[in-house]
Amino acid sequence: MRDGLIGLASATMLASTLATAGCGNSPSSGGTGGTGGSSSSGGAVGTGGSPSTGGAVGTGGSPSTSGSVTTLGGDKPLTTLTPAEVAQLCTDTYAYFGNAIPTATACKWRGLRTAVSSSSPTDSDLQRACTDPETSCLQGSPGSTDIPSCPDIPSNCTVTVADYSTCIGDEVAAFTQAVSELADCATATLDDMPAVWDVMGATPPASCASLDTTCAGLVPPNPAY
């Protein structure tokens, strides 16, 4: 179900949201630390990070500060949203990631995402590959300029904004918990890397998987990317 979702948000809005998010990054990857929420109360996740750097970070935008994924009405089916509302939903989602995922969690994930793709030959090399981007993230250094986007909403989709928001909140909660259980950059070893891959390929929460029955092809943004 990861082949479709929402329409491109404004690159300028997303760039601003992600650049100020803790480590200055975006989507899938990236997240929001906390507990999954309903459409009205939201969940928890970080701003999406680019596939190359991973992670979701930061402080995001206003919808997240109120605890909700978006300010759009929860009873609206996704297919009834106007192009402007589709763009807002995408932007709000990444802003929510940035607010809900703790900066430390998002920056740790950025480091681990970089390290797991680094092909480091030794544990010490791996730790350096992890701590360098993590430290830059914690210091607020700009991250990748890649702008995350949301694909189109599939036709005949009866999923509501509330259903979508519940999925996003649950994704953030699961992501935050999973990252907290991973080894820290300073002590990570090559043997710890399979667990990082597991987070990247984790099964979606039930609230996300169930969306496929009413909206096949819907792909909510993922804080791990």
N, C-alpha and C. Protein backbone atom coordinates (compact mmCIF):
# COMPACT_ATOMS: atom_id res chain seq x y z
N MET A 1 0.80 -1.18 0.00
CA MET A 1 0.00 0.00 0.00
C MET A 1 0.85 1.24 0.00
N ARG A 2 2.14 1.08 -0.36
CA ARG A 2 2.99 2.26 -0.32
C ARG A 2 3.23 2.82 -1.71
N ASP A 3 2.20 2.86 -2.53
CA ASP A 3 2.40 3.43 -3.86
C ASP A 3 1.56 4.68 -4.08
N GLY A 4 0.84 5.18 -3.12
CA GLY A 4 0.04 6.33 -3.41
C GLY A 4 -0.15 7.15 -2.17
N LEU A 5 -0.52 8.36 -2.13
CA LEU A 5 -1.06 9.12 -0.98
C LEU A 5 -1.37 10.50 -1.43
N ILE A 6 -0.88 11.36 -1.09
CA ILE A 6 -1.53 12.66 -1.12
C ILE A 6 -1.09 13.63 -2.14
N GLY A 7 -0.59 13.93 -3.03
CA GLY A 7 -0.27 15.06 -3.85
C GLY A 7 0.88 15.89 -3.31
N LEU A 8 1.67 16.47 -4.14
CA LEU A 8 2.83 17.24 -3.68
C LEU A 8 2.42 18.45 -2.87
N ALA A 9 3.07 18.64 -1.74
CA ALA A 9 2.86 19.86 -0.97
C ALA A 9 3.78 20.92 -1.51
N SER A 10 3.58 22.13 -1.06
CA SER A 10 4.44 23.22 -1.50
C SER A 10 5.85 22.97 -1.09
N ALA A 11 6.79 22.99 -2.05
CA ALA A 11 8.20 22.72 -1.76
C ALA A 11 8.72 23.76 -0.78
N THR A 12 8.28 24.98 -0.94
CA THR A 12 8.76 26.02 -0.04
C THR A 12 8.33 25.77 1.39
N MET A 13 7.05 25.39 1.57
CA MET A 13 6.54 25.14 2.91
C MET A 13 7.24 23.96 3.54
N LEU A 14 7.41 22.87 2.76
CA LEU A 14 8.06 21.69 3.30
C LEU A 14 9.52 21.96 3.63
N ALA A 15 10.18 22.68 2.74
CA ALA A 15 11.59 22.97 2.97
C ALA A 15 11.76 23.73 4.26
N SER A 16 10.88 24.70 4.50
CA SER A 16 10.97 25.49 5.73
C SER A 16 10.71 24.63 6.95
N THR A 17 9.66 23.79 6.86
CA THR A 17 9.32 22.92 7.98
C THR A 17 10.45 21.98 8.33
N LEU A 18 11.02 21.34 7.29
CA LEU A 18 12.03 20.33 7.54
C LEU A 18 13.36 20.94 7.94
N ALA A 19 13.65 22.11 7.40
CA ALA A 19 14.94 22.73 7.70
C ALA A 19 15.01 23.17 9.15
N THR A 20 13.85 23.50 9.75
CA THR A 20 13.86 23.93 11.14
C THR A 20 13.59 22.79 12.09
N ALA A 21 13.37 21.59 11.56
CA ALA A 21 13.03 20.47 12.41
C ALA A 21 14.24 19.85 13.03
N GLY A 22 14.63 20.21 14.18
CA GLY A 22 15.70 19.58 14.92
C GLY A 22 16.97 19.42 14.18
N CYS A 23 17.05 18.52 13.20
CA CYS A 23 18.28 18.41 12.45
C CYS A 23 18.09 18.94 11.06
N GLY A 24 17.13 19.77 10.86
CA GLY A 24 16.94 20.43 9.59
C GLY A 24 16.58 19.50 8.47
N ASN A 25 15.79 18.49 8.72
CA ASN A 25 15.45 17.53 7.67
C ASN A 25 13.96 17.38 7.55
N SER A 26 13.51 16.64 6.61
CA SER A 26 12.11 16.34 6.39
C SER A 26 11.49 15.23 7.14
N PRO A 27 10.66 13.46 5.49
CA PRO A 27 10.03 13.10 5.64
C PRO A 27 10.59 12.60 5.92
N SER A 28 10.47 9.53 5.42
CA SER A 28 9.40 9.20 5.11
C SER A 28 9.26 9.39 6.18
N SER A 29 12.15 11.17 6.76
CA SER A 29 11.95 10.47 7.24
C SER A 29 11.91 11.03 8.07
N GLY A 30 10.77 11.79 8.67
CA GLY A 30 10.78 11.64 8.88
C GLY A 30 10.71 12.20 9.85
N GLY A 31 8.42 10.43 11.04
CA GLY A 31 8.04 10.04 12.38
C GLY A 31 6.98 10.32 12.92
N THR A 32 7.49 13.07 16.10
CA THR A 32 6.35 12.86 16.62
C THR A 32 6.70 11.81 17.53
N GLY A 33 7.84 12.22 19.67
CA GLY A 33 8.05 11.01 20.39
C GLY A 33 6.84 10.75 21.17
N GLY A 34 6.24 9.71 20.98
CA GLY A 34 5.17 9.59 21.89
C GLY A 34 4.19 8.52 21.56
N THR A 35 2.95 8.83 21.76
CA THR A 35 1.93 7.84 21.65
C THR A 35 1.05 8.10 20.46
N GLY A 36 0.57 7.06 19.87
CA GLY A 36 -0.28 7.20 18.71
C GLY A 36 -1.55 7.93 19.09
N GLY A 37 -2.16 8.62 18.16
CA GLY A 37 -3.34 9.37 18.50
C GLY A 37 -4.42 9.21 17.47
N SER A 38 -5.60 9.68 17.82
CA SER A 38 -6.70 9.70 16.89
C SER A 38 -6.61 10.96 16.06
N SER A 39 -7.58 11.13 15.15
CA SER A 39 -7.53 12.31 14.31
C SER A 39 -7.67 13.56 15.15
N SER A 40 -8.38 13.46 16.27
CA SER A 40 -8.58 14.66 17.07
C SER A 40 -7.43 14.93 18.00
N SER A 41 -6.76 13.89 18.46
CA SER A 41 -5.69 14.10 19.42
C SER A 41 -4.31 13.88 18.83
N GLY A 42 -4.28 13.31 17.67
CA GLY A 42 -3.00 13.13 17.01
C GLY A 42 -2.18 12.02 17.63
N GLY A 43 -1.01 11.80 17.12
CA GLY A 43 -0.14 10.78 17.64
C GLY A 43 1.19 11.39 17.95
N ALA A 44 2.26 10.77 17.48
CA ALA A 44 3.56 11.34 17.74
C ALA A 44 4.53 10.91 16.66
N VAL A 45 5.31 11.78 16.13
CA VAL A 45 6.31 11.45 15.11
C VAL A 45 7.24 12.61 14.83
N GLY A 46 8.28 12.44 14.08
CA GLY A 46 9.22 13.48 13.75
C GLY A 46 9.13 13.87 12.29
N THR A 47 9.87 14.80 11.84
CA THR A 47 9.75 15.17 10.46
C THR A 47 10.42 14.16 9.59
N GLY A 48 9.93 13.91 8.48
CA GLY A 48 10.49 12.89 7.61
C GLY A 48 11.89 13.26 7.20
N GLY A 49 12.80 12.33 7.05
CA GLY A 49 14.13 12.59 6.55
C GLY A 49 14.23 12.11 5.13
N SER A 50 15.18 12.61 4.41
CA SER A 50 15.31 12.15 3.05
C SER A 50 15.82 10.72 3.06
N PRO A 51 15.57 9.95 1.98
CA PRO A 51 16.04 8.57 1.95
C PRO A 51 17.54 8.46 2.16
N SER A 52 18.30 9.49 1.76
CA SER A 52 19.74 9.38 1.88
C SER A 52 20.23 9.61 3.30
N THR A 53 19.52 10.42 4.06
CA THR A 53 19.98 10.71 5.41
C THR A 53 19.06 10.14 6.47
N GLY A 54 17.83 9.92 6.11
CA GLY A 54 16.88 9.31 7.01
C GLY A 54 16.49 10.23 8.15
N GLY A 55 15.48 9.79 8.88
CA GLY A 55 15.17 10.47 10.10
C GLY A 55 14.12 11.54 9.96
N ALA A 56 13.44 11.77 11.06
CA ALA A 56 12.49 12.84 11.11
C ALA A 56 12.87 13.67 12.31
N VAL A 57 12.88 14.97 12.18
CA VAL A 57 13.40 15.77 13.27
C VAL A 57 12.66 17.07 13.42
N GLY A 58 12.83 17.73 14.52
CA GLY A 58 12.56 19.12 14.60
C GLY A 58 11.39 19.54 15.41
N THR A 59 10.92 20.71 15.09
CA THR A 59 9.82 21.28 15.82
C THR A 59 8.63 21.59 14.96
N GLY A 60 8.70 21.41 13.72
CA GLY A 60 7.56 21.47 12.82
C GLY A 60 6.67 22.68 12.93
N GLY A 61 5.39 22.52 12.55
CA GLY A 61 4.48 23.64 12.46
C GLY A 61 3.31 23.56 13.41
N SER A 62 2.38 24.49 13.27
CA SER A 62 1.32 24.67 14.23
C SER A 62 0.39 23.49 14.44
N PRO A 63 -0.03 22.73 13.40
CA PRO A 63 -0.95 21.62 13.67
C PRO A 63 -0.42 20.67 14.72
N SER A 64 0.92 20.44 14.71
CA SER A 64 1.50 19.51 15.66
C SER A 64 1.49 20.05 17.08
N THR A 65 1.62 21.36 17.21
CA THR A 65 1.71 21.91 18.56
C THR A 65 0.39 21.74 19.29
N SER A 66 -0.71 21.59 18.55
CA SER A 66 -2.00 21.40 19.20
C SER A 66 -2.26 19.93 19.47
N GLY A 67 -1.37 19.06 19.06
CA GLY A 67 -1.53 17.63 19.29
C GLY A 67 -2.24 16.92 18.15
N SER A 68 -2.67 17.64 17.13
CA SER A 68 -3.37 17.04 16.01
C SER A 68 -2.45 16.93 14.80
N VAL A 69 -2.71 15.94 13.97
CA VAL A 69 -1.91 15.78 12.77
C VAL A 69 -2.18 16.92 11.80
N THR A 70 -3.44 17.33 11.70
CA THR A 70 -3.81 18.38 10.76
C THR A 70 -5.02 19.14 11.28
N THR A 71 -5.20 20.34 10.78
CA THR A 71 -6.36 21.14 11.16
C THR A 71 -7.55 20.87 10.25
N LEU A 72 -7.38 20.03 9.25
CA LEU A 72 -8.50 19.68 8.37
C LEU A 72 -9.55 18.88 9.13
N GLY A 73 -10.79 19.00 8.73
CA GLY A 73 -11.87 18.28 9.39
C GLY A 73 -11.71 16.78 9.29
N GLY A 74 -11.85 16.08 10.41
CA GLY A 74 -11.62 14.65 10.45
C GLY A 74 -12.62 13.82 9.69
N ASP A 75 -13.83 14.33 9.46
CA ASP A 75 -14.87 13.54 8.80
C ASP A 75 -14.79 13.61 7.27
N LYS A 76 -13.84 14.37 6.75
CA LYS A 76 -13.73 14.51 5.30
C LYS A 76 -13.06 13.29 4.68
N PRO A 77 -13.69 12.65 3.67
CA PRO A 77 -12.98 11.59 2.92
C PRO A 77 -11.82 12.22 2.16
N LEU A 78 -10.73 11.51 2.04
CA LEU A 78 -9.56 12.08 1.38
C LEU A 78 -9.84 12.48 -0.06
N THR A 79 -10.71 11.75 -0.74
CA THR A 79 -10.97 12.05 -2.15
C THR A 79 -11.80 13.31 -2.33
N THR A 80 -12.36 13.86 -1.25
CA THR A 80 -13.14 15.09 -1.38
C THR A 80 -12.29 16.33 -1.10
N LEU A 81 -11.03 16.13 -0.72
CA LEU A 81 -10.18 17.27 -0.42
C LEU A 81 -9.84 18.03 -1.69
N THR A 82 -9.79 19.33 -1.59
CA THR A 82 -9.38 20.16 -2.71
C THR A 82 -7.87 20.04 -2.89
N PRO A 83 -7.33 20.43 -4.04
CA PRO A 83 -5.87 20.38 -4.21
C PRO A 83 -5.13 21.13 -3.11
N ALA A 84 -5.68 22.26 -2.69
CA ALA A 84 -5.03 23.02 -1.62
C ALA A 84 -5.05 22.25 -0.31
N GLU A 85 -6.15 21.55 -0.03
CA GLU A 85 -6.25 20.77 1.20
C GLU A 85 -5.34 19.55 1.15
N VAL A 86 -5.20 18.95 -0.02
CA VAL A 86 -4.29 17.82 -0.19
C VAL A 86 -2.86 18.26 0.12
N ALA A 87 -2.49 19.41 -0.41
CA ALA A 87 -1.16 19.95 -0.15
C ALA A 87 -0.98 20.26 1.34
N GLN A 88 -2.03 20.80 1.96
CA GLN A 88 -1.95 21.11 3.39
C GLN A 88 -1.78 19.85 4.22
N LEU A 89 -2.51 18.78 3.86
CA LEU A 89 -2.41 17.54 4.61
C LEU A 89 -0.99 16.99 4.57
N CYS A 90 -0.36 17.07 3.42
CA CYS A 90 1.02 16.60 3.29
C CYS A 90 1.96 17.46 4.15
N THR A 91 1.81 18.78 4.04
CA THR A 91 2.65 19.68 4.82
C THR A 91 2.43 19.50 6.32
N ASP A 92 1.16 19.40 6.71
CA ASP A 92 0.84 19.23 8.13
C ASP A 92 1.43 17.94 8.68
N THR A 93 1.43 16.89 7.86
CA THR A 93 1.95 15.59 8.32
C THR A 93 3.43 15.69 8.67
N TYR A 94 4.20 16.32 7.81
CA TYR A 94 5.63 16.44 8.08
C TYR A 94 5.91 17.43 9.21
N ALA A 95 5.08 18.44 9.35
CA ALA A 95 5.21 19.34 10.49
C ALA A 95 4.92 18.59 11.78
N TYR A 96 3.96 17.69 11.72
CA TYR A 96 3.61 16.86 12.88
C TYR A 96 4.76 15.94 13.25
N PHE A 97 5.38 15.33 12.24
CA PHE A 97 6.56 14.52 12.49
C PHE A 97 7.60 15.33 13.28
N GLY A 98 7.83 16.55 12.82
CA GLY A 98 8.85 17.38 13.43
C GLY A 98 8.55 17.76 14.86
N ASN A 99 7.26 17.93 15.18
CA ASN A 99 6.89 18.30 16.54
C ASN A 99 6.79 17.10 17.47
N ALA A 100 6.31 15.99 16.96
CA ALA A 100 6.01 14.84 17.81
C ALA A 100 7.22 13.97 18.13
N ILE A 101 8.18 13.93 17.23
CA ILE A 101 9.36 13.09 17.48
C ILE A 101 10.42 13.92 18.19
N PRO A 102 10.88 13.47 19.35
CA PRO A 102 11.92 14.22 20.06
C PRO A 102 13.15 14.41 19.18
N THR A 103 13.78 15.56 19.30
CA THR A 103 14.96 15.86 18.50
C THR A 103 16.04 14.81 18.70
N ALA A 104 16.27 14.38 19.95
CA ALA A 104 17.31 13.38 20.21
C ALA A 104 17.01 12.08 19.46
N THR A 105 15.75 11.70 19.42
CA THR A 105 15.37 10.48 18.72
C THR A 105 15.57 10.63 17.22
N ALA A 106 15.15 11.77 16.69
CA ALA A 106 15.29 12.01 15.26
C ALA A 106 16.75 12.05 14.83
N CYS A 107 17.58 12.69 15.66
CA CYS A 107 19.01 12.80 15.31
C CYS A 107 19.72 11.45 15.45
N LYS A 108 19.33 10.68 16.45
CA LYS A 108 19.89 9.34 16.59
C LYS A 108 19.55 8.52 15.35
N TRP A 109 18.32 8.64 14.90
CA TRP A 109 17.90 7.89 13.72
C TRP A 109 18.67 8.34 12.48
N ARG A 110 18.90 9.64 12.37
CA ARG A 110 19.67 10.11 11.22
C ARG A 110 21.05 9.47 11.21
N GLY A 111 21.68 9.42 12.38
CA GLY A 111 22.99 8.80 12.45
C GLY A 111 22.97 7.33 12.10
N LEU A 112 22.01 6.61 12.64
CA LEU A 112 21.92 5.18 12.37
C LEU A 112 21.57 4.90 10.92
N ARG A 113 20.71 5.72 10.33
CA ARG A 113 20.36 5.55 8.93
C ARG A 113 21.59 5.75 8.04
N THR A 114 22.41 6.73 8.41
CA THR A 114 23.63 6.97 7.64
C THR A 114 24.61 5.82 7.83
N ALA A 115 24.76 5.38 9.07
CA ALA A 115 25.73 4.33 9.38
C ALA A 115 25.38 3.01 8.71
N VAL A 116 24.11 2.67 8.70
CA VAL A 116 23.71 1.37 8.16
C VAL A 116 23.94 1.30 6.65
N SER A 117 24.02 2.46 6.01
CA SER A 117 24.26 2.51 4.57
C SER A 117 25.71 2.84 4.23
N SER A 118 26.56 2.91 5.23
CA SER A 118 27.93 3.38 5.02
C SER A 118 28.92 2.29 4.60
N SER A 119 28.55 1.04 4.75
CA SER A 119 29.47 -0.07 4.45
C SER A 119 30.75 0.03 5.28
N SER A 120 30.62 0.51 6.52
CA SER A 120 31.79 0.64 7.40
C SER A 120 32.37 -0.73 7.69
N PRO A 121 33.69 -0.90 7.57
CA PRO A 121 34.32 -2.20 7.76
C PRO A 121 34.53 -2.59 9.22
N THR A 122 34.58 -1.61 10.12
CA THR A 122 34.84 -1.91 11.53
C THR A 122 33.82 -1.20 12.41
N ASP A 123 33.75 -1.62 13.67
CA ASP A 123 32.84 -0.98 14.61
C ASP A 123 33.19 0.49 14.82
N SER A 124 34.47 0.80 14.90
CA SER A 124 34.88 2.18 15.12
C SER A 124 34.51 3.06 13.92
N ASP A 125 34.66 2.52 12.72
CA ASP A 125 34.26 3.27 11.54
C ASP A 125 32.75 3.50 11.53
N LEU A 126 32.04 2.48 11.93
CA LEU A 126 30.58 2.57 11.98
C LEU A 126 30.15 3.64 12.98
N GLN A 127 30.76 3.64 14.15
CA GLN A 127 30.41 4.62 15.18
C GLN A 127 30.67 6.03 14.71
N ARG A 128 31.76 6.22 13.99
CA ARG A 128 32.08 7.55 13.46
C ARG A 128 31.06 7.95 12.39
N ALA A 129 30.69 6.99 11.55
CA ALA A 129 29.70 7.27 10.50
C ALA A 129 28.35 7.61 11.09
N CYS A 130 28.10 7.15 12.29
CA CYS A 130 26.82 7.40 12.97
C CYS A 130 26.86 8.70 13.77
N THR A 131 27.93 8.91 14.54
CA THR A 131 27.98 10.06 15.44
C THR A 131 28.15 11.38 14.69
N ASP A 132 28.85 11.39 13.56
CA ASP A 132 29.05 12.64 12.83
C ASP A 132 27.73 13.27 12.39
N PRO A 133 26.86 12.54 11.69
CA PRO A 133 25.57 13.14 11.30
C PRO A 133 24.65 13.38 12.49
N GLU A 134 24.75 12.52 13.52
CA GLU A 134 23.93 12.74 14.71
C GLU A 134 24.31 14.05 15.38
N THR A 135 25.61 14.30 15.52
CA THR A 135 26.08 15.53 16.15
C THR A 135 25.67 16.75 15.34
N SER A 136 25.84 16.69 14.03
CA SER A 136 25.44 17.80 13.17
C SER A 136 23.95 18.09 13.31
N CYS A 137 23.18 17.02 13.40
CA CYS A 137 21.74 17.15 13.57
C CYS A 137 21.41 17.83 14.90
N LEU A 138 22.04 17.40 15.97
CA LEU A 138 21.78 17.97 17.28
C LEU A 138 22.20 19.43 17.36
N GLN A 139 23.20 19.80 16.56
CA GLN A 139 23.67 21.18 16.53
C GLN A 139 22.85 22.05 15.59
N GLY A 140 21.88 21.42 14.94
CA GLY A 140 21.01 22.17 14.05
C GLY A 140 21.58 22.48 12.70
N SER A 141 22.60 21.73 12.29
CA SER A 141 23.18 21.97 10.97
C SER A 141 22.19 21.57 9.88
N PRO A 142 22.16 22.29 8.78
CA PRO A 142 21.23 21.95 7.70
C PRO A 142 21.46 20.54 7.19
N GLY A 143 20.39 19.86 6.87
CA GLY A 143 20.50 18.51 6.36
C GLY A 143 20.34 18.49 4.86
N SER A 144 19.88 17.39 4.33
CA SER A 144 19.70 17.24 2.89
C SER A 144 18.68 18.26 2.39
N THR A 145 18.85 18.69 1.16
CA THR A 145 17.91 19.62 0.55
C THR A 145 16.76 18.89 -0.13
N ASP A 146 16.75 17.57 -0.07
CA ASP A 146 15.66 16.81 -0.67
C ASP A 146 14.34 17.18 0.00
N ILE A 147 13.31 17.39 -0.79
CA ILE A 147 12.01 17.76 -0.27
C ILE A 147 11.08 16.56 -0.35
N PRO A 148 10.58 16.08 0.78
CA PRO A 148 9.67 14.94 0.77
C PRO A 148 8.34 15.33 0.12
N SER A 149 7.66 14.38 -0.41
CA SER A 149 6.39 14.66 -1.05
C SER A 149 5.41 13.53 -0.76
N CYS A 150 4.16 13.79 -1.04
CA CYS A 150 3.11 12.80 -0.83
C CYS A 150 2.49 12.48 -2.18
N PRO A 151 2.47 11.22 -2.59
CA PRO A 151 1.86 10.85 -3.87
C PRO A 151 0.37 11.13 -3.90
N ASP A 152 -0.23 10.94 -5.05
CA ASP A 152 -1.65 11.20 -5.22
C ASP A 152 -2.50 10.26 -4.39
N ILE A 153 -3.70 10.72 -4.07
CA ILE A 153 -4.67 9.89 -3.36
C ILE A 153 -5.35 8.98 -4.39
N PRO A 154 -5.42 7.68 -4.13
CA PRO A 154 -6.09 6.77 -5.07
C PRO A 154 -7.56 7.15 -5.25
N SER A 155 -8.10 6.87 -6.40
CA SER A 155 -9.51 7.17 -6.65
C SER A 155 -10.39 6.21 -5.86
N ASN A 156 -11.63 6.60 -5.65
CA ASN A 156 -12.59 5.78 -4.90
C ASN A 156 -12.10 5.44 -3.50
N CYS A 157 -11.41 6.39 -2.89
CA CYS A 157 -10.85 6.17 -1.54
C CYS A 157 -11.83 6.73 -0.51
N THR A 158 -12.31 5.88 0.38
CA THR A 158 -13.28 6.32 1.39
C THR A 158 -12.63 6.60 2.74
N VAL A 159 -11.32 6.50 2.81
CA VAL A 159 -10.62 6.81 4.06
C VAL A 159 -10.83 8.27 4.41
N THR A 160 -11.09 8.54 5.67
CA THR A 160 -11.30 9.92 6.12
C THR A 160 -10.01 10.51 6.66
N VAL A 161 -10.01 11.82 6.84
CA VAL A 161 -8.87 12.49 7.44
C VAL A 161 -8.61 11.94 8.84
N ALA A 162 -9.67 11.59 9.56
CA ALA A 162 -9.52 11.03 10.90
C ALA A 162 -8.82 9.67 10.85
N ASP A 163 -9.22 8.82 9.90
CA ASP A 163 -8.57 7.51 9.75
C ASP A 163 -7.09 7.68 9.43
N TYR A 164 -6.81 8.57 8.51
CA TYR A 164 -5.43 8.85 8.11
C TYR A 164 -4.63 9.36 9.31
N SER A 165 -5.21 10.27 10.09
CA SER A 165 -4.51 10.86 11.23
C SER A 165 -4.18 9.82 12.30
N THR A 166 -5.11 8.88 12.50
CA THR A 166 -4.86 7.81 13.46
C THR A 166 -3.66 6.98 13.04
N CYS A 167 -3.60 6.67 11.75
CA CYS A 167 -2.46 5.93 11.22
C CYS A 167 -1.16 6.68 11.45
N ILE A 168 -1.13 7.97 11.14
CA ILE A 168 0.08 8.76 11.30
C ILE A 168 0.51 8.80 12.76
N GLY A 169 -0.43 8.99 13.66
CA GLY A 169 -0.10 9.01 15.08
C GLY A 169 0.48 7.69 15.56
N ASP A 170 -0.11 6.59 15.09
CA ASP A 170 0.38 5.28 15.48
C ASP A 170 1.75 4.99 14.88
N GLU A 171 1.98 5.47 13.66
CA GLU A 171 3.30 5.32 13.04
C GLU A 171 4.37 6.01 13.88
N VAL A 172 4.07 7.21 14.32
CA VAL A 172 5.03 7.98 15.11
C VAL A 172 5.34 7.29 16.43
N ALA A 173 4.30 6.79 17.09
CA ALA A 173 4.50 6.11 18.36
C ALA A 173 5.37 4.87 18.19
N ALA A 174 5.08 4.09 17.15
CA ALA A 174 5.84 2.87 16.90
C ALA A 174 7.29 3.19 16.53
N PHE A 175 7.46 4.22 15.71
CA PHE A 175 8.80 4.62 15.28
C PHE A 175 9.63 5.09 16.47
N THR A 176 9.06 5.95 17.28
CA THR A 176 9.78 6.49 18.43
C THR A 176 10.20 5.38 19.39
N GLN A 177 9.31 4.44 19.64
CA GLN A 177 9.62 3.33 20.52
C GLN A 177 10.72 2.46 19.93
N ALA A 178 10.63 2.18 18.63
CA ALA A 178 11.61 1.32 17.98
C ALA A 178 13.00 1.94 18.01
N VAL A 179 13.10 3.23 17.73
CA VAL A 179 14.41 3.89 17.72
C VAL A 179 15.00 3.93 19.12
N SER A 180 14.16 4.08 20.13
CA SER A 180 14.66 4.12 21.51
C SER A 180 15.31 2.81 21.92
N GLU A 181 14.93 1.73 21.25
CA GLU A 181 15.46 0.41 21.60
C GLU A 181 16.73 0.06 20.81
N LEU A 182 17.10 0.90 19.85
CA LEU A 182 18.31 0.65 19.07
C LEU A 182 19.56 1.12 19.83
N ALA A 183 20.70 0.56 19.46
CA ALA A 183 21.97 0.96 20.08
C ALA A 183 22.25 2.42 19.77
N ASP A 184 22.91 3.11 20.70
CA ASP A 184 23.32 4.49 20.48
C ASP A 184 24.50 4.53 19.51
N CYS A 185 24.65 5.68 18.85
CA CYS A 185 25.74 5.82 17.87
C CYS A 185 27.11 5.55 18.49
N ALA A 186 27.31 6.02 19.71
CA ALA A 186 28.63 5.91 20.34
C ALA A 186 29.04 4.48 20.64
N THR A 187 28.05 3.59 20.74
CA THR A 187 28.35 2.20 21.11
C THR A 187 27.88 1.19 20.06
N ALA A 188 27.30 1.66 18.98
CA ALA A 188 26.76 0.75 17.97
C ALA A 188 27.86 -0.10 17.34
N THR A 189 27.53 -1.32 17.02
CA THR A 189 28.45 -2.23 16.37
C THR A 189 27.82 -2.75 15.08
N LEU A 190 28.62 -3.41 14.29
CA LEU A 190 28.11 -3.99 13.05
C LEU A 190 26.98 -4.98 13.32
N ASP A 191 27.06 -5.65 14.45
CA ASP A 191 26.02 -6.62 14.81
C ASP A 191 24.69 -5.95 15.12
N ASP A 192 24.70 -4.64 15.39
CA ASP A 192 23.46 -3.92 15.70
C ASP A 192 22.72 -3.47 14.44
N MET A 193 23.37 -3.52 13.30
CA MET A 193 22.77 -2.96 12.09
C MET A 193 21.53 -3.70 11.57
N PRO A 194 21.44 -5.02 11.72
CA PRO A 194 20.19 -5.67 11.27
C PRO A 194 18.95 -5.09 11.95
N ALA A 195 19.08 -4.67 13.21
CA ALA A 195 17.94 -4.09 13.91
C ALA A 195 17.53 -2.76 13.29
N VAL A 196 18.50 -2.03 12.75
CA VAL A 196 18.19 -0.77 12.07
C VAL A 196 17.41 -1.05 10.79
N TRP A 197 17.87 -2.05 10.05
CA TRP A 197 17.13 -2.43 8.84
C TRP A 197 15.72 -2.87 9.18
N ASP A 198 15.56 -3.53 10.32
CA ASP A 198 14.22 -3.99 10.73
C ASP A 198 13.28 -2.81 10.93
N VAL A 199 13.79 -1.72 11.51
CA VAL A 199 12.95 -0.54 11.71
C VAL A 199 12.54 0.04 10.36
N MET A 200 13.48 0.06 9.43
CA MET A 200 13.19 0.60 8.10
C MET A 200 12.14 -0.23 7.37
N GLY A 201 12.13 -1.52 7.63
CA GLY A 201 11.18 -2.39 6.93
C GLY A 201 10.06 -2.90 7.81
N ALA A 202 9.80 -2.19 8.91
CA ALA A 202 8.81 -2.64 9.87
C ALA A 202 7.40 -2.71 9.27
N THR A 203 6.61 -3.66 9.75
CA THR A 203 5.22 -3.77 9.34
C THR A 203 4.45 -2.56 9.84
N PRO A 204 3.62 -1.94 9.00
CA PRO A 204 2.87 -0.76 9.44
C PRO A 204 1.93 -1.11 10.60
N PRO A 205 1.62 -0.12 11.45
CA PRO A 205 0.65 -0.36 12.52
C PRO A 205 -0.68 -0.83 11.94
N ALA A 206 -1.48 -1.50 12.76
CA ALA A 206 -2.76 -2.04 12.28
C ALA A 206 -3.65 -0.94 11.71
N SER A 207 -3.60 0.24 12.31
CA SER A 207 -4.44 1.34 11.83
C SER A 207 -4.04 1.79 10.44
N CYS A 208 -2.79 1.57 10.05
CA CYS A 208 -2.34 1.89 8.70
C CYS A 208 -2.66 0.76 7.73
N ALA A 209 -2.40 -0.47 8.17
CA ALA A 209 -2.67 -1.62 7.32
C ALA A 209 -4.15 -1.72 6.97
N SER A 210 -5.01 -1.34 7.92
CA SER A 210 -6.45 -1.46 7.69
C SER A 210 -6.95 -0.47 6.64
N LEU A 211 -6.19 0.61 6.41
CA LEU A 211 -6.62 1.59 5.41
C LEU A 211 -6.65 0.98 4.02
N ASP A 212 -5.87 -0.05 3.80
CA ASP A 212 -5.78 -0.66 2.48
C ASP A 212 -7.10 -1.28 2.06
N THR A 213 -7.93 -1.64 3.02
CA THR A 213 -9.22 -2.27 2.68
C THR A 213 -10.20 -1.26 2.11
N THR A 214 -10.05 -0.01 2.46
CA THR A 214 -10.96 1.02 1.96
C THR A 214 -10.28 1.99 1.01
N CYS A 215 -8.98 1.85 0.86
CA CYS A 215 -8.25 2.75 -0.03
C CYS A 215 -6.98 2.06 -0.51
N ALA A 216 -7.14 1.07 -1.36
CA ALA A 216 -5.99 0.31 -1.84
C ALA A 216 -5.00 1.23 -2.55
N GLY A 217 -3.74 1.13 -2.15
CA GLY A 217 -2.72 1.95 -2.75
C GLY A 217 -2.39 3.21 -1.98
N LEU A 218 -3.12 3.47 -0.90
CA LEU A 218 -2.81 4.64 -0.08
C LEU A 218 -1.50 4.41 0.66
N VAL A 219 -0.60 5.38 0.59
CA VAL A 219 0.71 5.25 1.23
C VAL A 219 0.97 6.45 2.15
N PRO A 220 0.61 6.33 3.42
CA PRO A 220 0.89 7.44 4.35
C PRO A 220 2.39 7.66 4.48
N PRO A 221 2.84 8.90 4.64
CA PRO A 221 4.26 9.16 4.87
C PRO A 221 4.76 8.38 6.06
N ASN A 222 6.04 8.01 6.03
CA ASN A 222 6.63 7.20 7.09
C ASN A 222 7.81 7.96 7.70
N PRO A 223 7.84 8.14 9.02
CA PRO A 223 8.92 8.89 9.65
C PRO A 223 10.28 8.24 9.52
N ALA A 224 10.34 6.98 9.16
CA ALA A 224 11.62 6.30 9.02
C ALA A 224 12.32 6.67 7.72
N TYR A 225 11.63 7.38 6.83
CA TYR A 225 12.21 7.71 5.52
C TYR A 225 12.18 9.21 5.28
